[in-house]
C-alpha atoms as a PDB file:
ATOM      1  CA  UNK A   1      -7.986  -1.807  -7.646  1.00  0.00           C
ATOM      2  CA  UNK A   2      -5.402  -3.619  -9.749  1.00  0.00           C
ATOM      3  CA  UNK A   3      -6.657  -4.491 -13.105  1.00  0.00           C
ATOM      4  CA  UNK A   4      -4.806  -5.648 -16.134  1.00  0.00           C
ATOM      5  CA  UNK A   5      -4.515  -4.710 -19.857  1.00  0.00           C
ATOM      6  CA  UNK A   6      -7.058  -2.181 -20.930  1.00  0.00           C
ATOM      7  CA  UNK A   7      -8.798  -2.228 -17.403  1.00  0.00           C
ATOM      8  CA  UNK A   8      -5.664  -1.062 -15.326  1.00  0.00           C
ATOM      9  CA  UNK A   9      -6.818  -0.220 -11.889  1.00  0.00           C
ATOM     10  CA  UNK A  10      -6.230   2.737  -9.553  1.00  0.00           C
ATOM     11  CA  UNK A  11      -3.084   1.063  -7.711  1.00  0.00           C
ATOM     12  CA  UNK A  12      -1.136   0.967 -10.831  1.00  0.00           C
ATOM     13  CA  UNK A  13      -2.252   4.152 -12.259  1.00  0.00           C
ATOM     14  CA  UNK A  14      -1.363   6.016  -8.847  1.00  0.00           C
ATOM     15  CA  UNK A  15       2.059   4.402  -8.659  1.00  0.00           C
ATOM     16  CA  UNK A  16       3.046   5.281 -12.140  1.00  0.00           C
ATOM     17  CA  UNK A  17       1.684   8.639 -11.608  1.00  0.00           C
ATOM     18  CA  UNK A  18       3.963   8.916  -8.366  1.00  0.00           C
ATOM     19  CA  UNK A  19       7.139   7.778  -9.863  1.00  0.00           C
ATOM     20  CA  UNK A  20       6.761   9.486 -12.932  1.00  0.00           C
ATOM     21  CA  UNK A  21       6.497  12.849 -10.754  1.00  0.00           C
ATOM     22  CA  UNK A  22       9.407  11.559  -8.777  1.00  0.00           C
ATOM     23  CA  UNK A  23      11.269  10.756 -11.885  1.00  0.00           C
ATOM     24  CA  UNK A  24      10.730  14.474 -12.968  1.00  0.00           C
ATOM     25  CA  UNK A  25      11.992  16.117  -9.900  1.00  0.00           C
ATOM     26  CA  UNK A  26      14.657  13.901  -8.772  1.00  0.00           C
ATOM     27  CA  UNK A  27      18.279  15.826  -8.761  1.00  0.00           C
ATOM     28  CA  UNK A  28      21.286  16.318  -6.630  1.00  0.00           C
ATOM     29  CA  UNK A  29      19.482  18.405  -4.072  1.00  0.00           C
ATOM     30  CA  UNK A  30      16.431  16.019  -3.712  1.00  0.00           C
ATOM     31  CA  UNK A  31      16.030  12.413  -2.929  1.00  0.00           C
ATOM     32  CA  UNK A  32      12.616  10.575  -2.270  1.00  0.00           C
ATOM     33  CA  UNK A  33      11.805   7.782  -0.222  1.00  0.00           C
ATOM     34  CA  UNK A  34       8.563   5.854  -1.027  1.00  0.00           C
ATOM     35  CA  UNK A  35       6.914   3.317   1.562  1.00  0.00           C
ATOM     36  CA  UNK A  36       3.434   2.065   0.938  1.00  0.00           C
ATOM     37  CA  UNK A  37       1.259  -0.849   2.500  1.00  0.00           C
ATOM     38  CA  UNK A  38      -1.623  -2.828   0.679  1.00  0.00           C
ATOM     39  CA  UNK A  39      -4.370  -4.114   2.998  1.00  0.00           C
ATOM     40  CA  UNK A  40      -7.446  -6.052   2.407  1.00  0.00           C
ATOM     41  CA  UNK A  41     -10.506  -6.157   4.598  1.00  0.00           C
ATOM     42  CA  UNK A  42     -12.584  -8.944   3.887  1.00  0.00           C
ATOM     43  CA  UNK A  43     -15.312 -10.726   6.158  1.00  0.00           C
ATOM     44  CA  UNK A  44     -13.960  -8.534   9.048  1.00  0.00           C
ATOM     45  CA  UNK A  45     -10.486  -9.741   8.690  1.00  0.00           C
ATOM     46  CA  UNK A  46      -7.445  -7.429   7.899  1.00  0.00           C
ATOM     47  CA  UNK A  47      -4.875  -9.044   5.607  1.00  0.00           C
ATOM     48  CA  UNK A  48      -1.424  -7.665   4.447  1.00  0.00           C
ATOM     49  CA  UNK A  49      -1.372  -8.321   0.722  1.00  0.00           C
ATOM     50  CA  UNK A  50       2.345  -7.596   0.485  1.00  0.00           C
ATOM     51  CA  UNK A  51       2.775 -10.840   2.811  1.00  0.00           C
ATOM     52  CA  UNK A  52       2.803 -14.036   1.312  1.00  0.00           C
ATOM     53  CA  UNK A  53      -0.379 -15.815   1.842  1.00  0.00           C
ATOM     54  CA  UNK A  54       0.931 -18.808   3.267  1.00  0.00           C
ATOM     55  CA  UNK A  55       2.504 -16.700   6.182  1.00  0.00           C
ATOM     56  CA  UNK A  56      -0.539 -14.580   6.885  1.00  0.00           C
ATOM     57  CA  UNK A  57      -2.271 -15.038  10.315  1.00  0.00           C
ATOM     58  CA  UNK A  58      -5.467 -17.131  10.056  1.00  0.00           C
ATOM     59  CA  UNK A  59      -7.477 -14.666  12.338  1.00  0.00           C
ATOM     60  CA  UNK A  60      -6.103 -11.544  10.272  1.00  0.00           C
ATOM     61  CA  UNK A  61      -4.279  -8.543  11.736  1.00  0.00           C
ATOM     62  CA  UNK A  62      -5.100  -6.598  14.804  1.00  0.00           C
ATOM     63  CA  UNK A  63      -6.390  -3.158  14.217  1.00  0.00           C
ATOM     64  CA  UNK A  64      -5.390  -1.008  17.150  1.00  0.00           C
ATOM     65  CA  UNK A  65      -5.515   2.731  18.455  1.00  0.00           C
ATOM     66  CA  UNK A  66      -2.858   4.876  19.901  1.00  0.00           C
ATOM     67  CA  UNK A  67      -3.985   8.013  21.843  1.00  0.00           C
ATOM     68  CA  UNK A  68      -1.961  10.460  19.937  1.00  0.00           C
ATOM     69  CA  UNK A  69      -0.874   8.483  16.576  1.00  0.00           C
ATOM     70  CA  UNK A  70      -4.149   7.121  15.823  1.00  0.00           C
ATOM     71  CA  UNK A  71      -5.467   3.773  14.162  1.00  0.00           C
ATOM     72  CA  UNK A  72      -2.890   1.412  13.062  1.00  0.00           C
ATOM     73  CA  UNK A  73      -2.393  -2.108  11.916  1.00  0.00           C
END
């Protein structure tokens, strides 16, 4: 997913492509906002990879479902 050196992963490739497109299309009439999250599912526990590991809940995050908005963490 991440990768380094010659083996760059899909996350950096996708991010670079996204920001290159934004750079090409940005002018006085357009403004872009990028929001993202990185979650890991391991041993049936969901973890937020953008949170400091020492501050993550030990049991993982709760996965819930809203009737109209769908599944969220």
